[in-house]
Amino acid sequence: MIWAGRILSALPVPMLIFSAIMKFQKPAAVIEGFNHLGFPERLAFGLGILELTCTILYVIPQTAVLGAILLTGYLGGATVTHLRVGDPFITPIVIGVILWAGIFLRDARLRALIPLRS
């Protein structure tokens, strides 16, 4: 169970890091995406810092739950942003579910706090 949790927890991390790096580099596709979503380009750097910080907190075992909580908020914002413009919105939801499933499987304290069976 712990190894399954570690593997699930590791799956979204490269995607989140890559997403943050793209916000720092601002290639044309990122600028176009920001324009499509109605966000000014100047927000890219700050969102990249936020995404990278939350991901780093998620990767550190002692702060993983805090990182998951913060990433849930970040991904919730992404979901609403995509809903607002009529884009597909399933990806941020799936990433959030994978984040929490990974922590749930690898952290006995969280399993005790949220029992799936009595």
PDB file of N, CA and C in Angstrom:
ATOM      1  N   MET A   1       0.822  -1.185   0.000  1.00  0.00           N
ATOM      2  CA  MET A   1       0.000   0.000   0.000  1.00  0.00           C
ATOM      3  C   MET A   1       0.876   1.263   0.000  1.00  0.00           C
ATOM      4  N   ILE A   2       1.944   1.228   0.782  1.00  0.00           N
ATOM      5  CA  ILE A   2       2.829   2.392   0.853  1.00  0.00           C
ATOM      6  C   ILE A   2       3.502   2.638  -0.490  1.00  0.00           C
ATOM      7  N   TRP A   3       3.966   1.563  -1.132  1.00  0.00           N
ATOM      8  CA  TRP A   3       4.620   1.728  -2.434  1.00  0.00           C
ATOM      9  C   TRP A   3       3.642   2.199  -3.491  1.00  0.00           C
ATOM     10  N   ALA A   4       2.436   1.699  -3.470  1.00  0.00           N
ATOM     11  CA  ALA A   4       1.409   2.173  -4.411  1.00  0.00           C
ATOM     12  C   ALA A   4       1.147   3.667  -4.189  1.00  0.00           C
ATOM     13  N   GLY A   5       1.112   4.067  -2.930  1.00  0.00           N
ATOM     14  CA  GLY A   5       0.932   5.476  -2.601  1.00  0.00           C
ATOM     15  C   GLY A   5       2.086   6.331  -3.083  1.00  0.00           C
ATOM     16  N   ARG A   6       3.294   5.832  -2.923  1.00  0.00           N
ATOM     17  CA  ARG A   6       4.463   6.586  -3.394  1.00  0.00           C
ATOM     18  C   ARG A   6       4.439   6.739  -4.909  1.00  0.00           C
ATOM     19  N   ILE A   7       4.074   5.676  -5.600  1.00  0.00           N
ATOM     20  CA  ILE A   7       4.019   5.726  -7.069  1.00  0.00           C
ATOM     21  C   ILE A   7       2.923   6.696  -7.514  1.00  0.00           C
ATOM     22  N   LEU A   8       1.735   6.587  -6.921  1.00  0.00           N
ATOM     23  CA  LEU A   8       0.650   7.511  -7.265  1.00  0.00           C
ATOM     24  C   LEU A   8       1.043   8.956  -6.951  1.00  0.00           C
ATOM     25  N   SER A   9       1.706   9.161  -5.819  1.00  0.00           N
ATOM     26  CA  SER A   9       2.117  10.510  -5.434  1.00  0.00           C
ATOM     27  C   SER A   9       3.132  11.082  -6.407  1.00  0.00           C
ATOM     28  N   ALA A  10       3.975  10.231  -6.956  1.00  0.00           N
ATOM     29  CA  ALA A  10       5.026  10.702  -7.863  1.00  0.00           C
ATOM     30  C   ALA A  10       4.499  11.018  -9.261  1.00  0.00           C
ATOM     31  N   LEU A  11       3.393  10.418  -9.666  1.00  0.00           N
ATOM     32  CA  LEU A  11       2.892  10.604 -11.042  1.00  0.00           C
ATOM     33  C   LEU A  11       2.616  12.059 -11.424  1.00  0.00           C
ATOM     34  N   PRO A  12       1.912  12.846 -10.614  1.00  0.00           N
ATOM     35  CA  PRO A  12       1.603  14.209 -11.048  1.00  0.00           C
ATOM     36  C   PRO A  12       2.753  15.197 -10.881  1.00  0.00           C
ATOM     37  N   VAL A  13       3.770  14.841 -10.110  1.00  0.00           N
ATOM     38  CA  VAL A  13       4.843  15.790  -9.820  1.00  0.00           C
ATOM     39  C   VAL A  13       5.567  16.273 -11.075  1.00  0.00           C
ATOM     40  N   PRO A  14       6.002  15.401 -11.993  1.00  0.00           N
ATOM     41  CA  PRO A  14       6.669  15.921 -13.201  1.00  0.00           C
ATOM     42  C   PRO A  14       5.765  16.841 -14.031  1.00  0.00           C
ATOM     43  N   MET A  15       4.473  16.524 -14.096  1.00  0.00           N
ATOM     44  CA  MET A  15       3.548  17.386 -14.849  1.00  0.00           C
ATOM     45  C   MET A  15       3.445  18.772 -14.206  1.00  0.00           C
ATOM     46  N   LEU A  16       3.360  18.809 -12.886  1.00  0.00           N
ATOM     47  CA  LEU A  16       3.251  20.084 -12.189  1.00  0.00           C
ATOM     48  C   LEU A  16       4.534  20.903 -12.311  1.00  0.00           C
ATOM     49  N   ILE A  17       5.675  20.243 -12.204  1.00  0.00           N
ATOM     50  CA  ILE A  17       6.951  20.951 -12.351  1.00  0.00           C
ATOM     51  C   ILE A  17       7.106  21.476 -13.771  1.00  0.00           C
ATOM     52  N   PHE A  18       6.769  20.645 -14.758  1.00  0.00           N
ATOM     53  CA  PHE A  18       6.846  21.073 -16.147  1.00  0.00           C
ATOM     54  C   PHE A  18       5.922  22.274 -16.392  1.00  0.00           C
ATOM     55  N   SER A  19       4.719  22.220 -15.849  1.00  0.00           N
ATOM     56  CA  SER A  19       3.773  23.325 -15.991  1.00  0.00           C
ATOM     57  C   SER A  19       4.334  24.611 -15.395  1.00  0.00           C
ATOM     58  N   ALA A  20       4.952  24.517 -14.221  1.00  0.00           N
ATOM     59  CA  ALA A  20       5.541  25.698 -13.587  1.00  0.00           C
ATOM     60  C   ALA A  20       6.690  26.247 -14.428  1.00  0.00           C
ATOM     61  N   ILE A  21       7.537  25.373 -14.936  1.00  0.00           N
ATOM     62  CA  ILE A  21       8.671  25.819 -15.754  1.00  0.00           C
ATOM     63  C   ILE A  21       8.177  26.520 -17.015  1.00  0.00           C
ATOM     64  N   MET A  22       7.123  25.987 -17.614  1.00  0.00           N
ATOM     65  CA  MET A  22       6.564  26.628 -18.816  1.00  0.00           C
ATOM     66  C   MET A  22       6.046  28.034 -18.503  1.00  0.00           C
ATOM     67  N   LYS A  23       5.522  28.216 -17.301  1.00  0.00           N
ATOM     68  CA  LYS A  23       5.053  29.548 -16.917  1.00  0.00           C
ATOM     69  C   LYS A  23       6.229  30.509 -16.748  1.00  0.00           C
ATOM     70  N   PHE A  24       7.398  30.012 -16.368  1.00  0.00           N
ATOM     71  CA  PHE A  24       8.584  30.857 -16.260  1.00  0.00           C
ATOM     72  C   PHE A  24       9.138  31.201 -17.638  1.00  0.00           C
ATOM     73  N   GLN A  25       9.147  30.233 -18.536  1.00  0.00           N
ATOM     74  CA  GLN A  25       9.737  30.433 -19.861  1.00  0.00           C
ATOM     75  C   GLN A  25       8.807  31.180 -20.810  1.00  0.00           C
ATOM     76  N   LYS A  26       7.518  31.084 -20.590  1.00  0.00           N
ATOM     77  CA  LYS A  26       6.487  31.755 -21.381  1.00  0.00           C
ATOM     78  C   LYS A  26       6.632  31.544 -22.890  1.00  0.00           C
ATOM     79  N   PRO A  27       6.636  30.301 -23.352  1.00  0.00           N
ATOM     80  CA  PRO A  27       6.624  30.106 -24.801  1.00  0.00           C
ATOM     81  C   PRO A  27       5.296  30.597 -25.387  1.00  0.00           C
ATOM     82  N   ALA A  28       5.242  30.679 -26.692  1.00  0.00           N
ATOM     83  CA  ALA A  28       4.056  31.220 -27.366  1.00  0.00           C
ATOM     84  C   ALA A  28       2.778  30.486 -26.966  1.00  0.00           C
ATOM     85  N   ALA A  29       2.849  29.173 -26.797  1.00  0.00           N
ATOM     86  CA  ALA A  29       1.657  28.405 -26.432  1.00  0.00           C
ATOM     87  C   ALA A  29       1.116  28.807 -25.059  1.00  0.00           C
ATOM     88  N   VAL A  30       2.008  29.117 -24.141  1.00  0.00           N
ATOM     89  CA  VAL A  30       1.581  29.544 -22.802  1.00  0.00           C
ATOM     90  C   VAL A  30       0.920  30.919 -22.882  1.00  0.00           C
ATOM     91  N   ILE A  31       1.531  31.831 -23.622  1.00  0.00           N
ATOM     92  CA  ILE A  31       0.961  33.175 -23.784  1.00  0.00           C
ATOM     93  C   ILE A  31      -0.419  33.076 -24.440  1.00  0.00           C
ATOM     94  N   GLU A  32      -0.515  32.247 -25.464  1.00  0.00           N
ATOM     95  CA  GLU A  32      -1.796  32.047 -26.145  1.00  0.00           C
ATOM     96  C   GLU A  32      -2.836  31.460 -25.190  1.00  0.00           C
ATOM     97  N   GLY A  33      -2.403  30.498 -24.366  1.00  0.00           N
ATOM     98  CA  GLY A  33      -3.307  29.900 -23.386  1.00  0.00           C
ATOM     99  C   GLY A  33      -3.792  30.906 -22.364  1.00  0.00           C
ATOM    100  N   PHE A  34      -2.897  31.741 -21.883  1.00  0.00           N
ATOM    101  CA  PHE A  34      -3.283  32.770 -20.916  1.00  0.00           C
ATOM    102  C   PHE A  34      -4.290  33.733 -21.548  1.00  0.00           C
ATOM    103  N   ASN A  35      -4.024  34.137 -22.788  1.00  0.00           N
ATOM    104  CA  ASN A  35      -4.962  35.031 -23.482  1.00  0.00           C
ATOM    105  C   ASN A  35      -6.323  34.368 -23.649  1.00  0.00           C
ATOM    106  N   HIS A  36      -6.325  33.101 -24.042  1.00  0.00           N
ATOM    107  CA  HIS A  36      -7.578  32.356 -24.228  1.00  0.00           C
ATOM    108  C   HIS A  36      -8.376  32.276 -22.926  1.00  0.00           C
ATOM    109  N   LEU A  37      -7.647  32.101 -21.806  1.00  0.00           N
ATOM    110  CA  LEU A  37      -8.318  31.971 -20.507  1.00  0.00           C
ATOM    111  C   LEU A  37      -8.680  33.320 -19.895  1.00  0.00           C
ATOM    112  N   GLY A  38      -8.238  34.409 -20.526  1.00  0.00           N
ATOM    113  CA  GLY A  38      -8.577  35.739 -20.036  1.00  0.00           C
ATOM    114  C   GLY A  38      -7.660  36.252 -18.947  1.00  0.00           C
ATOM    115  N   PHE A  39      -6.468  35.692 -18.846  1.00  0.00           N
ATOM    116  CA  PHE A  39      -5.501  36.145 -17.848  1.00  0.00           C
ATOM    117  C   PHE A  39      -4.390  36.950 -18.507  1.00  0.00           C
ATOM    118  N   PRO A  40      -3.936  38.016 -17.853  1.00  0.00           N
ATOM    119  CA  PRO A  40      -2.801  38.745 -18.423  1.00  0.00           C
ATOM    120  C   PRO A  40      -1.518  37.913 -18.306  1.00  0.00           C
ATOM    121  N   GLU A  41      -0.645  38.089 -19.270  1.00  0.00           N
ATOM    122  CA  GLU A  41       0.619  37.344 -19.319  1.00  0.00           C
ATOM    123  C   GLU A  41       1.466  37.568 -18.063  1.00  0.00           C
ATOM    124  N   ARG A  42       1.356  38.728 -17.466  1.00  0.00           N
ATOM    125  CA  ARG A  42       2.184  39.062 -16.291  1.00  0.00           C
ATOM    126  C   ARG A  42       1.914  38.153 -15.099  1.00  0.00           C
ATOM    127  N   LEU A  43       0.779  37.449 -15.087  1.00  0.00           N
ATOM    128  CA  LEU A  43       0.464  36.538 -13.983  1.00  0.00           C
ATOM    129  C   LEU A  43       1.190  35.203 -14.084  1.00  0.00           C
ATOM    130  N   ALA A  44       1.770  34.903 -15.230  1.00  0.00           N
ATOM    131  CA  ALA A  44       2.396  33.597 -15.452  1.00  0.00           C
ATOM    132  C   ALA A  44       3.503  33.317 -14.437  1.00  0.00           C
ATOM    133  N   PHE A  45       4.372  34.279 -14.215  1.00  0.00           N
ATOM    134  CA  PHE A  45       5.499  34.049 -13.302  1.00  0.00           C
ATOM    135  C   PHE A  45       5.002  33.758 -11.885  1.00  0.00           C
ATOM    136  N   GLY A  46       4.073  34.545 -11.396  1.00  0.00           N
ATOM    137  CA  GLY A  46       3.542  34.340 -10.048  1.00  0.00           C
ATOM    138  C   GLY A  46       2.832  33.002  -9.904  1.00  0.00           C
ATOM    139  N   LEU A  47       2.073  32.625 -10.922  1.00  0.00           N
ATOM    140  CA  LEU A  47       1.398  31.324 -10.875  1.00  0.00           C
ATOM    141  C   LEU A  47       2.414  30.184 -10.930  1.00  0.00           C
ATOM    142  N   GLY A  48       3.504  30.390 -11.681  1.00  0.00           N
ATOM    143  CA  GLY A  48       4.567  29.383 -11.727  1.00  0.00           C
ATOM    144  C   GLY A  48       5.220  29.207 -10.360  1.00  0.00           C
ATOM    145  N   ILE A  49       5.489  30.320  -9.682  1.00  0.00           N
ATOM    146  CA  ILE A  49       6.072  30.268  -8.327  1.00  0.00           C
ATOM    147  C   ILE A  49       5.115  29.544  -7.381  1.00  0.00           C
ATOM    148  N   LEU A  50       3.845  29.900  -7.453  1.00  0.00           N
ATOM    149  CA  LEU A  50       2.841  29.265  -6.589  1.00  0.00           C
ATOM    150  C   LEU A  50       2.770  27.763  -6.846  1.00  0.00           C
ATOM    151  N   GLU A  51       2.704  27.377  -8.103  1.00  0.00           N
ATOM    152  CA  GLU A  51       2.598  25.966  -8.465  1.00  0.00           C
ATOM    153  C   GLU A  51       3.838  25.191  -8.024  1.00  0.00           C
ATOM    154  N   LEU A  52       5.003  25.761  -8.260  1.00  0.00           N
ATOM    155  CA  LEU A  52       6.248  25.094  -7.878  1.00  0.00           C
ATOM    156  C   LEU A  52       6.375  24.980  -6.361  1.00  0.00           C
ATOM    157  N   THR A  53       6.015  26.028  -5.633  1.00  0.00           N
ATOM    158  CA  THR A  53       6.090  26.004  -4.166  1.00  0.00           C
ATOM    159  C   THR A  53       5.160  24.937  -3.594  1.00  0.00           C
ATOM    160  N   CYS A  54       3.929  24.900  -4.072  1.00  0.00           N
ATOM    161  CA  CYS A  54       2.969  23.893  -3.593  1.00  0.00           C
ATOM    162  C   CYS A  54       3.458  22.485  -3.918  1.00  0.00           C
ATOM    163  N   THR A  55       4.040  22.301  -5.094  1.00  0.00           N
ATOM    164  CA  THR A  55       4.540  20.984  -5.495  1.00  0.00           C
ATOM    165  C   THR A  55       5.711  20.565  -4.625  1.00  0.00           C
ATOM    166  N   ILE A  56       6.608  21.486  -4.331  1.00  0.00           N
ATOM    167  CA  ILE A  56       7.751  21.169  -3.461  1.00  0.00           C
ATOM    168  C   ILE A  56       7.250  20.770  -2.074  1.00  0.00           C
ATOM    169  N   LEU A  57       6.273  21.508  -1.547  1.00  0.00           N
ATOM    170  CA  LEU A  57       5.703  21.143  -0.245  1.00  0.00           C
ATOM    171  C   LEU A  57       5.077  19.759  -0.295  1.00  0.00           C
ATOM    172  N   TYR A  58       4.460  19.410  -1.415  1.00  0.00           N
ATOM    173  CA  TYR A  58       3.844  18.096  -1.581  1.00  0.00           C
ATOM    174  C   TYR A  58       4.883  16.980  -1.609  1.00  0.00           C
ATOM    175  N   VAL A  59       6.030  17.256  -2.190  1.00  0.00           N
ATOM    176  CA  VAL A  59       7.073  16.225  -2.345  1.00  0.00           C
ATOM    177  C   VAL A  59       7.780  15.931  -1.016  1.00  0.00           C
ATOM    178  N   ILE A  60       7.886  16.913  -0.139  1.00  0.00           N
ATOM    179  CA  ILE A  60       8.553  16.727   1.152  1.00  0.00           C
ATOM    180  C   ILE A  60       7.602  15.972   2.079  1.00  0.00           C
ATOM    181  N   PRO A  61       8.001  14.795   2.568  1.00  0.00           N
ATOM    182  CA  PRO A  61       7.073  13.984   3.376  1.00  0.00           C
ATOM    183  C   PRO A  61       6.466  14.722   4.577  1.00  0.00           C
ATOM    184  N   GLN A  62       7.248  15.544   5.254  1.00  0.00           N
ATOM    185  CA  GLN A  62       6.735  16.232   6.443  1.00  0.00           C
ATOM    186  C   GLN A  62       5.683  17.291   6.110  1.00  0.00           C
ATOM    187  N   THR A  63       5.686  17.803   4.889  1.00  0.00           N
ATOM    188  CA  THR A  63       4.730  18.844   4.505  1.00  0.00           C
ATOM    189  C   THR A  63       3.807  18.387   3.372  1.00  0.00           C
ATOM    190  N   ALA A  64       3.755  17.087   3.124  1.00  0.00           N
ATOM    191  CA  ALA A  64       2.988  16.562   1.991  1.00  0.00           C
ATOM    192  C   ALA A  64       1.497  16.875   2.086  1.00  0.00           C
ATOM    193  N   VAL A  65       0.923  16.769   3.264  1.00  0.00           N
ATOM    194  CA  VAL A  65      -0.513  17.035   3.398  1.00  0.00           C
ATOM    195  C   VAL A  65      -0.795  18.512   3.148  1.00  0.00           C
ATOM    196  N   LEU A  66       0.033  19.399   3.690  1.00  0.00           N
ATOM    197  CA  LEU A  66      -0.119  20.828   3.420  1.00  0.00           C
ATOM    198  C   LEU A  66       0.010  21.091   1.921  1.00  0.00           C
ATOM    199  N   GLY A  67       0.998  20.477   1.274  1.00  0.00           N
ATOM    200  CA  GLY A  67       1.167  20.632  -0.170  1.00  0.00           C
ATOM    201  C   GLY A  67      -0.049  20.147  -0.928  1.00  0.00           C
ATOM    202  N   ALA A  68      -0.634  19.034  -0.503  1.00  0.00           N
ATOM    203  CA  ALA A  68      -1.830  18.503  -1.169  1.00  0.00           C
ATOM    204  C   ALA A  68      -3.014  19.455  -0.996  1.00  0.00           C
ATOM    205  N   ILE A  69      -3.149  20.023   0.189  1.00  0.00           N
ATOM    206  CA  ILE A  69      -4.235  20.982   0.429  1.00  0.00           C
ATOM    207  C   ILE A  69      -4.061  22.198  -0.478  1.00  0.00           C
ATOM    208  N   LEU A  70      -2.844  22.728  -0.537  1.00  0.00           N
ATOM    209  CA  LEU A  70      -2.592  23.902  -1.373  1.00  0.00           C
ATOM    210  C   LEU A  70      -2.754  23.586  -2.856  1.00  0.00           C
ATOM    211  N   LEU A  71      -2.280  22.421  -3.280  1.00  0.00           N
ATOM    212  CA  LEU A  71      -2.456  22.024  -4.679  1.00  0.00           C
ATOM    213  C   LEU A  71      -3.928  21.803  -5.018  1.00  0.00           C
ATOM    214  N   THR A  72      -4.712  21.343  -4.055  1.00  0.00           N
ATOM    215  CA  THR A  72      -6.151  21.186  -4.276  1.00  0.00           C
ATOM    216  C   THR A  72      -6.782  22.541  -4.592  1.00  0.00           C
ATOM    217  N   GLY A  73      -6.386  23.560  -3.836  1.00  0.00           N
ATOM    218  CA  GLY A  73      -6.883  24.909  -4.118  1.00  0.00           C
ATOM    219  C   GLY A  73      -6.436  25.406  -5.481  1.00  0.00           C
ATOM    220  N   TYR A  74      -5.168  25.179  -5.804  1.00  0.00           N
ATOM    221  CA  TYR A  74      -4.619  25.598  -7.094  1.00  0.00           C
ATOM    222  C   TYR A  74      -5.354  24.896  -8.241  1.00  0.00           C
ATOM    223  N   LEU A  75      -5.528  23.593  -8.109  1.00  0.00           N
ATOM    224  CA  LEU A  75      -6.202  22.819  -9.161  1.00  0.00           C
ATOM    225  C   LEU A  75      -7.694  23.148  -9.226  1.00  0.00           C
ATOM    226  N   GLY A  76      -8.282  23.501  -8.096  1.00  0.00           N
ATOM    227  CA  GLY A  76      -9.676  23.949  -8.109  1.00  0.00           C
ATOM    228  C   GLY A  76      -9.831  25.231  -8.912  1.00  0.00           C
ATOM    229  N   GLY A  77      -8.876  26.134  -8.759  1.00  0.00           N
ATOM    230  CA  GLY A  77      -8.880  27.358  -9.557  1.00  0.00           C
ATOM    231  C   GLY A  77      -8.726  27.056 -11.035  1.00  0.00           C
ATOM    232  N   ALA A  78      -7.862  26.102 -11.355  1.00  0.00           N
ATOM    233  CA  ALA A  78      -7.677  25.707 -12.754  1.00  0.00           C
ATOM    234  C   ALA A  78      -8.961  25.111 -13.314  1.00  0.00           C
ATOM    235  N   THR A  79      -9.645  24.311 -12.512  1.00  0.00           N
ATOM    236  CA  THR A  79     -10.897  23.700 -12.953  1.00  0.00           C
ATOM    237  C   THR A  79     -11.939  24.772 -13.271  1.00  0.00           C
ATOM    238  N   VAL A  80     -12.109  25.719 -12.372  1.00  0.00           N
ATOM    239  CA  VAL A  80     -13.090  26.782 -12.578  1.00  0.00           C
ATOM    240  C   VAL A  80     -12.720  27.647 -13.778  1.00  0.00           C
ATOM    241  N   THR A  81     -11.439  27.921 -13.944  1.00  0.00           N
ATOM    242  CA  THR A  81     -10.984  28.722 -15.082  1.00  0.00           C
ATOM    243  C   THR A  81     -11.351  28.048 -16.396  1.00  0.00           C
ATOM    244  N   HIS A  82     -11.112  26.747 -16.490  1.00  0.00           N
ATOM    245  CA  HIS A  82     -11.448  26.025 -17.718  1.00  0.00           C
ATOM    246  C   HIS A  82     -12.966  25.922 -17.912  1.00  0.00           C
ATOM    247  N   LEU A  83     -13.695  25.727 -16.834  1.00  0.00           N
ATOM    248  CA  LEU A  83     -15.161  25.694 -16.923  1.00  0.00           C
ATOM    249  C   LEU A  83     -15.699  27.020 -17.454  1.00  0.00           C
ATOM    250  N   ARG A  84     -15.135  28.114 -16.972  1.00  0.00           N
ATOM    251  CA  ARG A  84     -15.601  29.451 -17.335  1.00  0.00           C
ATOM    252  C   ARG A  84     -15.522  29.712 -18.829  1.00  0.00           C
ATOM    253  N   VAL A  85     -14.465  29.192 -19.479  1.00  0.00           N
ATOM    254  CA  VAL A  85     -14.304  29.441 -20.914  1.00  0.00           C
ATOM    255  C   VAL A  85     -14.804  28.274 -21.769  1.00  0.00           C
ATOM    256  N   GLY A  86     -15.334  27.240 -21.147  1.00  0.00           N
ATOM    257  CA  GLY A  86     -15.895  26.123 -21.888  1.00  0.00           C
ATOM    258  C   GLY A  86     -14.882  25.100 -22.362  1.00  0.00           C
ATOM    259  N   ASP A  87     -13.701  25.098 -21.783  1.00  0.00           N
ATOM    260  CA  ASP A  87     -12.667  24.107 -22.131  1.00  0.00           C
ATOM    261  C   ASP A  87     -12.867  22.825 -21.324  1.00  0.00           C
ATOM    262  N   PRO A  88     -12.265  21.718 -21.768  1.00  0.00           N
ATOM    263  CA  PRO A  88     -12.292  20.497 -20.951  1.00  0.00           C
ATOM    264  C   PRO A  88     -11.628  20.764 -19.599  1.00  0.00           C
ATOM    265  N   PHE A  89     -12.224  20.230 -18.552  1.00  0.00           N
ATOM    266  CA  PHE A  89     -11.750  20.546 -17.198  1.00  0.00           C
ATOM    267  C   PHE A  89     -11.410  19.307 -16.376  1.00  0.00           C
ATOM    268  N   ILE A  90     -11.382  18.147 -16.981  1.00  0.00           N
ATOM    269  CA  ILE A  90     -11.191  16.907 -16.228  1.00  0.00           C
ATOM    270  C   ILE A  90      -9.755  16.740 -15.718  1.00  0.00           C
ATOM    271  N   THR A  91      -8.765  17.246 -16.445  1.00  0.00           N
ATOM    272  CA  THR A  91      -7.362  17.026 -16.072  1.00  0.00           C
ATOM    273  C   THR A  91      -7.036  17.513 -14.669  1.00  0.00           C
ATOM    274  N   PRO A  92      -7.359  18.763 -14.288  1.00  0.00           N
ATOM    275  CA  PRO A  92      -7.020  19.174 -12.921  1.00  0.00           C
ATOM    276  C   PRO A  92      -7.734  18.340 -11.851  1.00  0.00           C
ATOM    277  N   ILE A  93      -8.936  17.875 -12.159  1.00  0.00           N
ATOM    278  CA  ILE A  93      -9.665  17.043 -11.201  1.00  0.00           C
ATOM    279  C   ILE A  93      -8.952  15.702 -11.024  1.00  0.00           C
ATOM    280  N   VAL A  94      -8.560  15.091 -12.126  1.00  0.00           N
ATOM    281  CA  VAL A  94      -7.858  13.804 -12.064  1.00  0.00           C
ATOM    282  C   VAL A  94      -6.537  13.952 -11.320  1.00  0.00           C
ATOM    283  N   ILE A  95      -5.804  15.014 -11.592  1.00  0.00           N
ATOM    284  CA  ILE A  95      -4.532  15.237 -10.896  1.00  0.00           C
ATOM    285  C   ILE A  95      -4.779  15.366  -9.393  1.00  0.00           C
ATOM    286  N   GLY A  96      -5.810  16.105  -9.001  1.00  0.00           N
ATOM    287  CA  GLY A  96      -6.133  16.252  -7.581  1.00  0.00           C
ATOM    288  C   GLY A  96      -6.505  14.934  -6.926  1.00  0.00           C
ATOM    289  N   VAL A  97      -7.266  14.122  -7.614  1.00  0.00           N
ATOM    290  CA  VAL A  97      -7.644  12.810  -7.074  1.00  0.00           C
ATOM    291  C   VAL A  97      -6.403  11.933  -6.910  1.00  0.00           C
ATOM    292  N   ILE A  98      -5.509  11.960  -7.885  1.00  0.00           N
ATOM    293  CA  ILE A  98      -4.269  11.169  -7.794  1.00  0.00           C
ATOM    294  C   ILE A  98      -3.406  11.653  -6.630  1.00  0.00           C
ATOM    295  N   LEU A  99      -3.313  12.985  -6.449  1.00  0.00           N
ATOM    296  CA  LEU A  99      -2.545  13.537  -5.318  1.00  0.00           C
ATOM    297  C   LEU A  99      -3.046  12.969  -3.992  1.00  0.00           C
ATOM    298  N   TRP A 100      -4.368  13.046  -3.801  1.00  0.00           N
ATOM    299  CA  TRP A 100      -4.938  12.613  -2.527  1.00  0.00           C
ATOM    300  C   TRP A 100      -4.927  11.096  -2.381  1.00  0.00           C
ATOM    301  N   ALA A 101      -5.116  10.369  -3.467  1.00  0.00           N
ATOM    302  CA  ALA A 101      -5.053   8.908  -3.386  1.00  0.00           C
ATOM    303  C   ALA A 101      -3.651   8.467  -2.965  1.00  0.00           C
ATOM    304  N   GLY A 102      -2.641   9.114  -3.521  1.00  0.00           N
ATOM    305  CA  GLY A 102      -1.263   8.784  -3.151  1.00  0.00           C
ATOM    306  C   GLY A 102      -0.984   9.034  -1.685  1.00  0.00           C
ATOM    307  N   ILE A 103      -1.396  10.175  -1.189  1.00  0.00           N
ATOM    308  CA  ILE A 103      -1.180  10.485   0.239  1.00  0.00           C
ATOM    309  C   ILE A 103      -1.989   9.543   1.114  1.00  0.00           C
ATOM    310  N   PHE A 104      -3.225   9.279   0.717  1.00  0.00           N
ATOM    311  CA  PHE A 104      -4.081   8.390   1.496  1.00  0.00           C
ATOM    312  C   PHE A 104      -3.442   7.010   1.647  1.00  0.00           C
ATOM    313  N   LEU A 105      -2.880   6.496   0.576  1.00  0.00           N
ATOM    314  CA  LEU A 105      -2.275   5.164   0.624  1.00  0.00           C
ATOM    315  C   LEU A 105      -0.966   5.136   1.404  1.00  0.00           C
ATOM    316  N   ARG A 106      -0.222   6.226   1.398  1.00  0.00           N
ATOM    317  CA  ARG A 106       1.098   6.181   2.038  1.00  0.00           C
ATOM    318  C   ARG A 106       1.121   6.725   3.462  1.00  0.00           C
ATOM    319  N   ASP A 107       0.035   7.339   3.926  1.00  0.00           N
ATOM    320  CA  ASP A 107       0.032   7.941   5.261  1.00  0.00           C
ATOM    321  C   ASP A 107      -1.056   7.308   6.133  1.00  0.00           C
ATOM    322  N   ALA A 108      -0.622   6.499   7.102  1.00  0.00           N
ATOM    323  CA  ALA A 108      -1.563   5.802   7.988  1.00  0.00           C
ATOM    324  C   ALA A 108      -2.391   6.785   8.810  1.00  0.00           C
ATOM    325  N   ARG A 109      -1.823   7.936   9.169  1.00  0.00           N
ATOM    326  CA  ARG A 109      -2.574   8.923   9.956  1.00  0.00           C
ATOM    327  C   ARG A 109      -3.763   9.457   9.171  1.00  0.00           C
ATOM    328  N   LEU A 110      -3.569   9.665   7.882  1.00  0.00           N
ATOM    329  CA  LEU A 110      -4.668  10.146   7.053  1.00  0.00           C
ATOM    330  C   LEU A 110      -5.727   9.068   6.874  1.00  0.00           C
ATOM    331  N   ARG A 111      -5.291   7.819   6.732  1.00  0.00           N
ATOM    332  CA  ARG A 111      -6.247   6.705   6.636  1.00  0.00           C
ATOM    333  C   ARG A 111      -7.045   6.574   7.919  1.00  0.00           C
ATOM    334  N   ALA A 112      -6.436   6.826   9.066  1.00  0.00           N
ATOM    335  CA  ALA A 112      -7.146   6.750  10.351  1.00  0.00           C
ATOM    336  C   ALA A 112      -8.140   7.916  10.473  1.00  0.00           C
ATOM    337  N   LEU A 113      -7.770   9.059   9.928  1.00  0.00           N
ATOM    338  CA  LEU A 113      -8.613  10.244   9.992  1.00  0.00           C
ATOM    339  C   LEU A 113      -9.825  10.112   9.067  1.00  0.00           C
ATOM    340  N   ILE A 114      -9.619   9.477   7.919  1.00  0.00           N
ATOM    341  CA  ILE A 114     -10.680   9.320   6.925  1.00  0.00           C
ATOM    342  C   ILE A 114     -10.827   7.832   6.624  1.00  0.00           C
ATOM    343  N   PRO A 115     -11.481   7.082   7.500  1.00  0.00           N
ATOM    344  CA  PRO A 115     -11.630   5.649   7.234  1.00  0.00           C
ATOM    345  C   PRO A 115     -12.651   5.409   6.120  1.00  0.00           C
ATOM    346  N   LEU A 116     -12.293   4.544   5.188  1.00  0.00           N
ATOM    347  CA  LEU A 116     -13.218   4.220   4.099  1.00  0.00           C
ATOM    348  C   LEU A 116     -14.183   3.107   4.491  1.00  0.00           C
ATOM    349  N   ARG A 117     -13.858   2.398   5.564  1.00  0.00           N
ATOM    350  CA  ARG A 117     -14.781   1.383   6.087  1.00  0.00           C
ATOM    351  C   ARG A 117     -14.703   1.401   7.602  1.00  0.00           C
ATOM    352  N   SER A 118     -15.762   0.977   8.240  1.00  0.00           N
ATOM    353  CA  SER A 118     -15.828   1.027   9.708  1.00  0.00           C
ATOM    354  C   SER A 118     -15.310  -0.244  10.323  1.00  0.00           C
TER     355      SER A 118
END
